[in-house]
C-alpha cells in the first residue's frame, strides 16, 4: 500500500487538472495559432506560465486504484500488476485465469 499522502497529492493534482483544463486548452490554442500576432501569442504563453504547475496533465501519476502503487499499472484496468495477479488468483476478475504449473 502506498503512502496516503502520495495518493492524496495525486488526487489534488487531478482536481487541479480538471479545474484548469478548459483555460489551459484555450491558452495553448492561442499560443500555437500562427495567424495571430507575436505579441498576442507571447501574452498567452505568459498567462499559461502563471497557471499552477500541478494543473498540467503531465504531472499526474497513474496509480493503482486498489493499492495506490505508482509503478506497473495497466492503464486499461487502472490496476497494478500485483493487485491484478492477487485478484485473479482469488477468482474475483471475470474471464481471467491465472496459470500455475
PDB file of N, CA and C in Angstrom:
ATOM      1  N   UNK A   1       0.841  -1.183   0.000  1.00  0.00           N
ATOM      2  CA  UNK A   1       0.000   0.000   0.000  1.00  0.00           C
ATOM      3  C   UNK A   1       0.887   1.248   0.000  1.00  0.00           C
ATOM      4  N   UNK A   2       0.555   2.166  -0.860  1.00  0.00           N
ATOM      5  CA  UNK A   2       1.327   3.403  -0.969  1.00  0.00           C
ATOM      6  C   UNK A   2       0.986   4.340   0.194  1.00  0.00           C
ATOM      7  N   UNK A   3       1.858   5.334   0.385  1.00  0.00           N
ATOM      8  CA  UNK A   3       1.598   6.320   1.427  1.00  0.00           C
ATOM      9  C   UNK A   3       0.329   7.096   1.098  1.00  0.00           C
ATOM     10  N   UNK A   4      -0.476   7.334   2.109  1.00  0.00           N
ATOM     11  CA  UNK A   4      -1.725   8.076   1.918  1.00  0.00           C
ATOM     12  C   UNK A   4      -1.449   9.479   1.388  1.00  0.00           C
ATOM     13  N   UNK A   5      -0.347  10.095   1.841  1.00  0.00           N
ATOM     14  CA  UNK A   5      -0.043  11.458   1.416  1.00  0.00           C
ATOM     15  C   UNK A   5       0.249  11.516  -0.085  1.00  0.00           C
ATOM     16  N   UNK A   6       0.934  10.501  -0.604  1.00  0.00           N
ATOM     17  CA  UNK A   6       1.249  10.477  -2.035  1.00  0.00           C
ATOM     18  C   UNK A   6      -0.022  10.298  -2.859  1.00  0.00           C
ATOM     19  N   UNK A   7      -0.918   9.456  -2.380  1.00  0.00           N
ATOM     20  CA  UNK A   7      -2.184   9.228  -3.085  1.00  0.00           C
ATOM     21  C   UNK A   7      -3.021  10.509  -3.077  1.00  0.00           C
ATOM     22  N   UNK A   8      -3.086  11.161  -1.909  1.00  0.00           N
ATOM     23  CA  UNK A   8      -3.873  12.390  -1.796  1.00  0.00           C
ATOM     24  C   UNK A   8      -3.281  13.526  -2.631  1.00  0.00           C
ATOM     25  N   UNK A   9      -1.961  13.607  -2.686  1.00  0.00           N
ATOM     26  CA  UNK A   9      -1.307  14.635  -3.505  1.00  0.00           C
ATOM     27  C   UNK A   9      -1.679  14.452  -4.967  1.00  0.00           C
ATOM     28  N   UNK A  10      -1.692  13.207  -5.424  1.00  0.00           N
ATOM     29  CA  UNK A  10      -2.069  12.925  -6.803  1.00  0.00           C
ATOM     30  C   UNK A  10      -3.541  13.259  -7.052  1.00  0.00           C
ATOM     31  N   UNK A  11      -4.395  13.014  -6.050  1.00  0.00           N
ATOM     32  CA  UNK A  11      -5.818  13.347  -6.188  1.00  0.00           C
ATOM     33  C   UNK A  11      -6.026  14.857  -6.266  1.00  0.00           C
ATOM     34  N   UNK A  12      -5.242  15.610  -5.488  1.00  0.00           N
ATOM     35  CA  UNK A  12      -5.335  17.081  -5.563  1.00  0.00           C
ATOM     36  C   UNK A  12      -4.883  17.576  -6.936  1.00  0.00           C
ATOM     37  N   UNK A  13      -3.825  16.962  -7.466  1.00  0.00           N
ATOM     38  CA  UNK A  13      -3.364  17.329  -8.802  1.00  0.00           C
ATOM     39  C   UNK A  13      -4.441  17.040  -9.841  1.00  0.00           C
ATOM     40  N   UNK A  14      -5.105  15.895  -9.711  1.00  0.00           N
ATOM     41  CA  UNK A  14      -6.171  15.535 -10.655  1.00  0.00           C
ATOM     42  C   UNK A  14      -7.299  16.558 -10.615  1.00  0.00           C
ATOM     43  N   UNK A  15      -7.621  17.046  -9.423  1.00  0.00           N
ATOM     44  CA  UNK A  15      -8.673  18.061  -9.298  1.00  0.00           C
ATOM     45  C   UNK A  15      -8.245  19.365  -9.977  1.00  0.00           C
ATOM     46  N   UNK A  16      -6.979  19.763  -9.818  1.00  0.00           N
ATOM     47  CA  UNK A  16      -6.484  20.974 -10.463  1.00  0.00           C
ATOM     48  C   UNK A  16      -6.472  20.834 -11.978  1.00  0.00           C
ATOM     49  N   UNK A  17      -6.083  19.653 -12.466  1.00  0.00           N
ATOM     50  CA  UNK A  17      -6.076  19.409 -13.908  1.00  0.00           C
ATOM     51  C   UNK A  17      -7.481  19.577 -14.474  1.00  0.00           C
ATOM     52  N   UNK A  18      -8.446  19.026 -13.769  1.00  0.00           N
ATOM     53  CA  UNK A  18      -9.843  19.115 -14.222  1.00  0.00           C
ATOM     54  C   UNK A  18     -10.338  20.562 -14.185  1.00  0.00           C
ATOM     55  N   UNK A  19      -9.943  21.291 -13.136  1.00  0.00           N
ATOM     56  CA  UNK A  19     -10.397  22.666 -12.961  1.00  0.00           C
ATOM     57  C   UNK A  19      -9.867  23.593 -14.050  1.00  0.00           C
ATOM     58  N   UNK A  20      -8.591  23.452 -14.403  1.00  0.00           N
ATOM     59  CA  UNK A  20      -7.950  24.373 -15.347  1.00  0.00           C
ATOM     60  C   UNK A  20      -7.860  23.822 -16.770  1.00  0.00           C
ATOM     61  N   UNK A  21      -8.477  22.699 -17.058  1.00  0.00           N
ATOM     62  CA  UNK A  21      -8.343  22.068 -18.377  1.00  0.00           C
ATOM     63  C   UNK A  21      -8.822  22.986 -19.503  1.00  0.00           C
ATOM     64  N   UNK A  22      -9.983  23.598 -19.338  1.00  0.00           N
ATOM     65  CA  UNK A  22     -10.530  24.464 -20.381  1.00  0.00           C
ATOM     66  C   UNK A  22      -9.679  25.695 -20.628  1.00  0.00           C
ATOM     67  N   UNK A  23      -9.296  26.369 -19.549  1.00  0.00           N
ATOM     68  CA  UNK A  23      -8.480  27.586 -19.663  1.00  0.00           C
ATOM     69  C   UNK A  23      -7.127  27.268 -20.286  1.00  0.00           C
ATOM     70  N   UNK A  24      -6.526  26.163 -19.850  1.00  0.00           N
ATOM     71  CA  UNK A  24      -5.220  25.756 -20.376  1.00  0.00           C
ATOM     72  C   UNK A  24      -5.316  25.442 -21.871  1.00  0.00           C
ATOM     73  N   UNK A  25      -6.390  24.770 -22.286  1.00  0.00           N
ATOM     74  CA  UNK A  25      -6.567  24.420 -23.697  1.00  0.00           C
ATOM     75  C   UNK A  25      -6.742  25.680 -24.561  1.00  0.00           C
ATOM     76  N   UNK A  26      -7.522  26.648 -24.058  1.00  0.00           N
ATOM     77  CA  UNK A  26      -7.722  27.895 -24.812  1.00  0.00           C
ATOM     78  C   UNK A  26      -6.406  28.650 -24.974  1.00  0.00           C
ATOM     79  N   UNK A  27      -5.643  28.760 -23.887  1.00  0.00           N
ATOM     80  CA  UNK A  27      -4.371  29.488 -23.958  1.00  0.00           C
ATOM     81  C   UNK A  27      -3.371  28.784 -24.870  1.00  0.00           C
ATOM     82  N   UNK A  28      -3.355  27.463 -24.834  1.00  0.00           N
ATOM     83  CA  UNK A  28      -2.456  26.719 -25.719  1.00  0.00           C
ATOM     84  C   UNK A  28      -2.834  26.928 -27.182  1.00  0.00           C
ATOM     85  N   UNK A  29      -4.143  26.955 -27.454  1.00  0.00           N
ATOM     86  CA  UNK A  29      -4.597  27.169 -28.826  1.00  0.00           C
ATOM     87  C   UNK A  29      -4.166  28.551 -29.331  1.00  0.00           C
ATOM     88  N   UNK A  30      -4.273  29.555 -28.475  1.00  0.00           N
ATOM     89  CA  UNK A  30      -3.860  30.908 -28.849  1.00  0.00           C
ATOM     90  C   UNK A  30      -2.350  30.955 -29.083  1.00  0.00           C
ATOM     91  N   UNK A  31      -1.598  30.305 -28.200  1.00  0.00           N
ATOM     92  CA  UNK A  31      -0.136  30.334 -28.297  1.00  0.00           C
ATOM     93  C   UNK A  31       0.364  29.628 -29.554  1.00  0.00           C
ATOM     94  N   UNK A  32      -0.371  28.644 -30.038  1.00  0.00           N
ATOM     95  CA  UNK A  32       0.042  27.890 -31.232  1.00  0.00           C
ATOM     96  C   UNK A  32      -0.481  28.473 -32.536  1.00  0.00           C
ATOM     97  N   UNK A  33      -1.430  29.412 -32.458  1.00  0.00           N
ATOM     98  CA  UNK A  33      -2.077  29.954 -33.654  1.00  0.00           C
ATOM     99  C   UNK A  33      -1.128  30.891 -34.403  1.00  0.00           C
ATOM    100  N   UNK A  34      -0.690  30.468 -35.584  1.00  0.00           N
ATOM    101  CA  UNK A  34       0.278  31.239 -36.387  1.00  0.00           C
ATOM    102  C   UNK A  34      -0.333  32.513 -36.968  1.00  0.00           C
ATOM    103  N   UNK A  35      -1.659  32.570 -37.083  1.00  0.00           N
ATOM    104  CA  UNK A  35      -2.297  33.732 -37.708  1.00  0.00           C
ATOM    105  C   UNK A  35      -2.333  34.945 -36.773  1.00  0.00           C
ATOM    106  N   UNK A  36      -2.155  34.732 -35.474  1.00  0.00           N
ATOM    107  CA  UNK A  36      -2.164  35.841 -34.519  1.00  0.00           C
ATOM    108  C   UNK A  36      -0.797  36.519 -34.480  1.00  0.00           C
ATOM    109  N   UNK A  37      -0.774  37.713 -33.916  1.00  0.00           N
ATOM    110  CA  UNK A  37       0.496  38.443 -33.833  1.00  0.00           C
ATOM    111  C   UNK A  37       1.400  37.808 -32.775  1.00  0.00           C
ATOM    112  N   UNK A  38       2.658  38.122 -32.879  1.00  0.00           N
ATOM    113  CA  UNK A  38       3.655  37.570 -31.955  1.00  0.00           C
ATOM    114  C   UNK A  38       3.382  38.018 -30.519  1.00  0.00           C
ATOM    115  N   UNK A  39       2.922  39.263 -30.347  1.00  0.00           N
ATOM    116  CA  UNK A  39       2.647  39.794 -29.011  1.00  0.00           C
ATOM    117  C   UNK A  39       1.494  39.046 -28.339  1.00  0.00           C
ATOM    118  N   UNK A  40       0.433  38.774 -29.110  1.00  0.00           N
ATOM    119  CA  UNK A  40      -0.721  38.051 -28.558  1.00  0.00           C
ATOM    120  C   UNK A  40      -0.333  36.631 -28.146  1.00  0.00           C
ATOM    121  N   UNK A  41       0.463  35.989 -28.976  1.00  0.00           N
ATOM    122  CA  UNK A  41       0.898  34.628 -28.670  1.00  0.00           C
ATOM    123  C   UNK A  41       1.807  34.608 -27.436  1.00  0.00           C
ATOM    124  N   UNK A  42       2.683  35.599 -27.334  1.00  0.00           N
ATOM    125  CA  UNK A  42       3.582  35.673 -26.191  1.00  0.00           C
ATOM    126  C   UNK A  42       2.801  35.938 -24.902  1.00  0.00           C
ATOM    127  N   UNK A  43       1.788  36.801 -24.991  1.00  0.00           N
ATOM    128  CA  UNK A  43       0.941  37.091 -23.825  1.00  0.00           C
ATOM    129  C   UNK A  43       0.211  35.831 -23.368  1.00  0.00           C
ATOM    130  N   UNK A  44      -0.236  35.029 -24.316  1.00  0.00           N
ATOM    131  CA  UNK A  44      -0.912  33.775 -23.966  1.00  0.00           C
ATOM    132  C   UNK A  44       0.051  32.819 -23.269  1.00  0.00           C
ATOM    133  N   UNK A  45       1.301  32.792 -23.730  1.00  0.00           N
ATOM    134  CA  UNK A  45       2.302  31.930 -23.078  1.00  0.00           C
ATOM    135  C   UNK A  45       2.608  32.410 -21.661  1.00  0.00           C
ATOM    136  N   UNK A  46       2.629  33.719 -21.461  1.00  0.00           N
ATOM    137  CA  UNK A  46       2.858  34.247 -20.111  1.00  0.00           C
ATOM    138  C   UNK A  46       1.704  33.874 -19.185  1.00  0.00           C
ATOM    139  N   UNK A  47       0.485  33.986 -19.682  1.00  0.00           N
ATOM    140  CA  UNK A  47      -0.677  33.600 -18.865  1.00  0.00           C
ATOM    141  C   UNK A  47      -0.664  32.108 -18.573  1.00  0.00           C
ATOM    142  N   UNK A  48      -0.223  31.331 -19.527  1.00  0.00           N
ATOM    143  CA  UNK A  48      -0.106  29.881 -19.341  1.00  0.00           C
ATOM    144  C   UNK A  48       0.917  29.560 -18.252  1.00  0.00           C
ATOM    145  N   UNK A  49       1.993  30.334 -18.219  1.00  0.00           N
ATOM    146  CA  UNK A  49       3.028  30.124 -17.210  1.00  0.00           C
ATOM    147  C   UNK A  49       2.555  30.522 -15.810  1.00  0.00           C
ATOM    148  N   UNK A  50       1.554  31.397 -15.736  1.00  0.00           N
ATOM    149  CA  UNK A  50       1.028  31.835 -14.438  1.00  0.00           C
ATOM    150  C   UNK A  50       0.111  30.791 -13.805  1.00  0.00           C
ATOM    151  N   UNK A  51      -0.403  29.864 -14.609  1.00  0.00           N
ATOM    152  CA  UNK A  51      -1.266  28.822 -14.051  1.00  0.00           C
ATOM    153  C   UNK A  51      -0.459  27.922 -13.129  1.00  0.00           C
ATOM    154  N   UNK A  52      -1.125  27.274 -12.174  1.00  0.00           N
ATOM    155  CA  UNK A  52      -0.398  26.366 -11.268  1.00  0.00           C
ATOM    156  C   UNK A  52       0.268  25.235 -12.039  1.00  0.00           C
ATOM    157  N   UNK A  53       1.471  24.870 -11.622  1.00  0.00           N
ATOM    158  CA  UNK A  53       2.192  23.795 -12.298  1.00  0.00           C
ATOM    159  C   UNK A  53       1.432  22.481 -12.217  1.00  0.00           C
ATOM    160  N   UNK A  54       0.807  22.247 -11.081  1.00  0.00           N
ATOM    161  CA  UNK A  54       0.098  20.982 -10.889  1.00  0.00           C
ATOM    162  C   UNK A  54      -1.187  20.890 -11.697  1.00  0.00           C
ATOM    163  N   UNK A  55      -1.526  21.943 -12.441  1.00  0.00           N
ATOM    164  CA  UNK A  55      -2.715  21.867 -13.289  1.00  0.00           C
ATOM    165  C   UNK A  55      -2.382  21.284 -14.661  1.00  0.00           C
ATOM    166  N   UNK A  56      -1.109  20.942 -14.877  1.00  0.00           N
ATOM    167  CA  UNK A  56      -0.698  20.315 -16.126  1.00  0.00           C
ATOM    168  C   UNK A  56      -0.975  18.807 -16.064  1.00  0.00           C
ATOM    169  N   UNK A  57      -1.493  18.277 -17.140  1.00  0.00           N
ATOM    170  CA  UNK A  57      -1.864  16.863 -17.169  1.00  0.00           C
ATOM    171  C   UNK A  57      -0.655  15.939 -17.044  1.00  0.00           C
ATOM    172  N   UNK A  58       0.501  16.415 -17.471  1.00  0.00           N
ATOM    173  CA  UNK A  58       1.689  15.564 -17.423  1.00  0.00           C
ATOM    174  C   UNK A  58       2.196  15.338 -16.006  1.00  0.00           C
ATOM    175  N   UNK A  59       1.724  16.110 -15.048  1.00  0.00           N
ATOM    176  CA  UNK A  59       2.172  15.935 -13.669  1.00  0.00           C
ATOM    177  C   UNK A  59       1.358  14.891 -12.918  1.00  0.00           C
ATOM    178  N   UNK A  60       0.324  14.366 -13.556  1.00  0.00           N
ATOM    179  CA  UNK A  60      -0.457  13.290 -12.943  1.00  0.00           C
ATOM    180  C   UNK A  60       0.315  11.987 -13.021  1.00  0.00           C
ATOM    181  N   UNK A  61       0.126  11.140 -12.023  1.00  0.00           N
ATOM    182  CA  UNK A  61       0.780   9.839 -11.970  1.00  0.00           C
ATOM    183  C   UNK A  61      -0.290   8.768 -12.052  1.00  0.00           C
ATOM    184  N   UNK A  62      -0.098   7.796 -12.935  1.00  0.00           N
ATOM    185  CA  UNK A  62      -1.021   6.671 -12.981  1.00  0.00           C
ATOM    186  C   UNK A  62      -0.789   5.823 -11.738  1.00  0.00           C
ATOM    187  N   UNK A  63      -1.817   5.657 -10.931  1.00  0.00           N
ATOM    188  CA  UNK A  63      -1.709   4.861  -9.714  1.00  0.00           C
ATOM    189  C   UNK A  63      -2.773   3.783  -9.706  1.00  0.00           C
ATOM    190  N   UNK A  64      -2.457   2.694  -9.033  1.00  0.00           N
ATOM    191  CA  UNK A  64      -3.387   1.576  -8.896  1.00  0.00           C
ATOM    192  C   UNK A  64      -4.584   2.022  -8.056  1.00  0.00           C
ATOM    193  N   UNK A  65      -5.785   1.721  -8.519  1.00  0.00           N
ATOM    194  CA  UNK A  65      -6.996   2.076  -7.784  1.00  0.00           C
ATOM    195  C   UNK A  65      -7.136   1.256  -6.502  1.00  0.00           C
ATOM    196  N   UNK A  66      -6.562   0.070  -6.480  1.00  0.00           N
ATOM    197  CA  UNK A  66      -6.695  -0.824  -5.330  1.00  0.00           C
ATOM    198  C   UNK A  66      -5.668  -0.496  -4.250  1.00  0.00           C
ATOM    199  N   UNK A  67      -4.390  -0.415  -4.642  1.00  0.00           N
ATOM    200  CA  UNK A  67      -3.321  -0.267  -3.659  1.00  0.00           C
ATOM    201  C   UNK A  67      -2.651   1.100  -3.665  1.00  0.00           C
ATOM    202  N   UNK A  68      -2.774   1.860  -4.745  1.00  0.00           N
ATOM    203  CA  UNK A  68      -2.111   3.145  -4.845  1.00  0.00           C
ATOM    204  C   UNK A  68      -0.692   3.044  -5.378  1.00  0.00           C
ATOM    205  N   UNK A  69      -0.280   1.839  -5.785  1.00  0.00           N
ATOM    206  CA  UNK A  69       1.072   1.624  -6.289  1.00  0.00           C
ATOM    207  C   UNK A  69       1.296   2.465  -7.554  1.00  0.00           C
ATOM    208  N   UNK A  70       2.450   3.182  -7.645  1.00  0.00           N
ATOM    209  CA  UNK A  70       2.675   4.070  -8.784  1.00  0.00           C
ATOM    210  C   UNK A  70       3.294   3.401 -10.003  1.00  0.00           C
ATOM    211  N   UNK A  71       3.864   2.211  -9.857  1.00  0.00           N
ATOM    212  CA  UNK A  71       4.543   1.575 -10.978  1.00  0.00           C
ATOM    213  C   UNK A  71       3.871   0.265 -11.356  1.00  0.00           C
ATOM    214  N   UNK A  72       4.047  -0.115 -12.598  1.00  0.00           N
ATOM    215  CA  UNK A  72       3.478  -1.377 -13.066  1.00  0.00           C
ATOM    216  C   UNK A  72       1.964  -1.347 -13.124  1.00  0.00           C
ATOM    217  N   UNK A  73       1.405  -0.209 -13.568  1.00  0.00           N
ATOM    218  CA  UNK A  73      -0.045  -0.044 -13.599  1.00  0.00           C
ATOM    219  C   UNK A  73      -0.545  -0.200 -15.032  1.00  0.00           C
ATOM    220  N   UNK A  74      -1.522  -1.080 -15.222  1.00  0.00           N
ATOM    221  CA  UNK A  74      -2.166  -1.231 -16.523  1.00  0.00           C
ATOM    222  C   UNK A  74      -3.168  -0.104 -16.694  1.00  0.00           C
ATOM    223  N   UNK A  75      -3.047   0.666 -17.779  1.00  0.00           N
ATOM    224  CA  UNK A  75      -3.910   1.817 -17.993  1.00  0.00           C
ATOM    225  C   UNK A  75      -5.374   1.422 -18.133  1.00  0.00           C
ATOM    226  N   UNK A  76      -5.598   0.376 -18.895  1.00  0.00           N
ATOM    227  CA  UNK A  76      -6.967  -0.032 -19.188  1.00  0.00           C
ATOM    228  C   UNK A  76      -7.715  -0.477 -17.926  1.00  0.00           C
ATOM    229  N   UNK A  77      -7.007  -1.148 -17.036  1.00  0.00           N
ATOM    230  CA  UNK A  77      -7.629  -1.673 -15.825  1.00  0.00           C
ATOM    231  C   UNK A  77      -7.493  -0.750 -14.622  1.00  0.00           C
ATOM    232  N   UNK A  78      -6.585   0.229 -14.709  1.00  0.00           N
ATOM    233  CA  UNK A  78      -6.263   1.115 -13.596  1.00  0.00           C
ATOM    234  C   UNK A  78      -5.884   0.315 -12.355  1.00  0.00           C
ATOM    235  N   UNK A  79      -5.079  -0.720 -12.595  1.00  0.00           N
ATOM    236  CA  UNK A  79      -4.706  -1.630 -11.528  1.00  0.00           C
ATOM    237  C   UNK A  79      -3.264  -2.075 -11.737  1.00  0.00           C
ATOM    238  N   UNK A  80      -2.537  -2.251 -10.641  1.00  0.00           N
ATOM    239  CA  UNK A  80      -1.152  -2.686 -10.756  1.00  0.00           C
ATOM    240  C   UNK A  80      -1.091  -4.170 -11.091  1.00  0.00           C
ATOM    241  N   UNK A  81       0.064  -4.584 -11.571  1.00  0.00           N
ATOM    242  CA  UNK A  81       0.247  -5.981 -11.953  1.00  0.00           C
ATOM    243  C   UNK A  81       0.120  -6.903 -10.760  1.00  0.00           C
ATOM    244  N   UNK A  82       0.534  -6.435  -9.591  1.00  0.00           N
ATOM    245  CA  UNK A  82       0.481  -7.263  -8.383  1.00  0.00           C
ATOM    246  C   UNK A  82      -0.958  -7.442  -7.913  1.00  0.00           C
ATOM    247  N   UNK A  83      -1.720  -6.343  -7.891  1.00  0.00           N
ATOM    248  CA  UNK A  83      -3.125  -6.418  -7.481  1.00  0.00           C
ATOM    249  C   UNK A  83      -3.913  -7.274  -8.473  1.00  0.00           C
ATOM    250  N   UNK A  84      -3.595  -7.151  -9.756  1.00  0.00           N
ATOM    251  CA  UNK A  84      -4.268  -7.938 -10.781  1.00  0.00           C
ATOM    252  C   UNK A  84      -4.013  -9.423 -10.561  1.00  0.00           C
ATOM    253  N   UNK A  85      -2.786  -9.778 -10.252  1.00  0.00           N
ATOM    254  CA  UNK A  85      -2.427 -11.174 -10.028  1.00  0.00           C
ATOM    255  C   UNK A  85      -3.144 -11.738  -8.798  1.00  0.00           C
ATOM    256  N   UNK A  86      -3.182 -10.953  -7.719  1.00  0.00           N
ATOM    257  CA  UNK A  86      -3.839 -11.420  -6.492  1.00  0.00           C
ATOM    258  C   UNK A  86      -5.337 -11.615  -6.702  1.00  0.00           C
ATOM    259  N   UNK A  87      -5.990 -10.620  -7.314  1.00  0.00           N
ATOM    260  CA  UNK A  87      -7.431 -10.729  -7.541  1.00  0.00           C
ATOM    261  C   UNK A  87      -7.746 -11.831  -8.547  1.00  0.00           C
ATOM    262  N   UNK A  88      -6.859 -12.020  -9.522  1.00  0.00           N
ATOM    263  CA  UNK A  88      -7.049 -13.104 -10.485  1.00  0.00           C
ATOM    264  C   UNK A  88      -6.920 -14.465  -9.824  1.00  0.00           C
ATOM    265  N   UNK A  89      -5.989 -14.604  -8.907  1.00  0.00           N
ATOM    266  CA  UNK A  89      -5.801 -15.869  -8.196  1.00  0.00           C
ATOM    267  C   UNK A  89      -6.996 -16.190  -7.306  1.00  0.00           C
ATOM    268  N   UNK A  90      -7.623 -15.148  -6.772  1.00  0.00           N
ATOM    269  CA  UNK A  90      -8.799 -15.347  -5.917  1.00  0.00           C
ATOM    270  C   UNK A  90     -10.069 -15.576  -6.718  1.00  0.00           C
ATOM    271  N   UNK A  91      -9.975 -15.391  -8.041  1.00  0.00           N
ATOM    272  CA  UNK A  91     -11.144 -15.581  -8.897  1.00  0.00           C
ATOM    273  C   UNK A  91     -12.107 -14.421  -8.882  1.00  0.00           C
ATOM    274  N   UNK A  92     -11.634 -13.222  -8.549  1.00  0.00           N
ATOM    275  CA  UNK A  92     -12.507 -12.050  -8.447  1.00  0.00           C
ATOM    276  C   UNK A  92     -12.578 -11.229  -9.726  1.00  0.00           C
ATOM    277  N   UNK A  93     -11.798 -11.618 -10.737  1.00  0.00           N
ATOM    278  CA  UNK A  93     -11.835 -10.909 -12.015  1.00  0.00           C
ATOM    279  C   UNK A  93     -12.407 -11.865 -13.056  1.00  0.00           C
ATOM    280  N   UNK A  94     -13.605 -11.545 -13.587  1.00  0.00           N
ATOM    281  CA  UNK A  94     -14.233 -12.448 -14.549  1.00  0.00           C
ATOM    282  C   UNK A  94     -13.425 -12.580 -15.827  1.00  0.00           C
ATOM    283  N   UNK A  95     -13.263 -13.802 -16.280  1.00  0.00           N
ATOM    284  CA  UNK A  95     -12.580 -14.072 -17.535  1.00  0.00           C
ATOM    285  C   UNK A  95     -11.082 -14.197 -17.397  1.00  0.00           C
ATOM    286  N   UNK A  96     -10.529 -13.944 -16.235  1.00  0.00           N
ATOM    287  CA  UNK A  96      -9.088 -14.023 -16.034  1.00  0.00           C
ATOM    288  C   UNK A  96      -8.754 -15.339 -15.339  1.00  0.00           C
ATOM    289  N   UNK A  97      -7.895 -16.125 -15.968  1.00  0.00           N
ATOM    290  CA  UNK A  97      -7.451 -17.381 -15.370  1.00  0.00           C
ATOM    291  C   UNK A  97      -5.942 -17.317 -15.245  1.00  0.00           C
ATOM    292  N   UNK A  98      -5.480 -17.363 -14.011  1.00  0.00           N
ATOM    293  CA  UNK A  98      -4.045 -17.322 -13.778  1.00  0.00           C
ATOM    294  C   UNK A  98      -3.490 -18.737 -13.890  1.00  0.00           C
ATOM    295  N   UNK A  99      -2.503 -18.886 -14.743  1.00  0.00           N
ATOM    296  CA  UNK A  99      -1.931 -20.219 -14.920  1.00  0.00           C
ATOM    297  C   UNK A  99      -0.940 -20.528 -13.815  1.00  0.00           C
ATOM    298  N   UNK A 100      -0.872 -21.774 -13.414  1.00  0.00           N
ATOM    299  CA  UNK A 100       0.131 -22.211 -12.443  1.00  0.00           C
ATOM    300  C   UNK A 100       0.554 -23.609 -12.813  1.00  0.00           C
ATOM    301  N   UNK A 101       1.810 -23.922 -12.655  1.00  0.00           N
ATOM    302  CA  UNK A 101       2.299 -25.242 -13.022  1.00  0.00           C
ATOM    303  C   UNK A 101       3.310 -25.737 -12.030  1.00  0.00           C
TER     304      UNK A 101
END
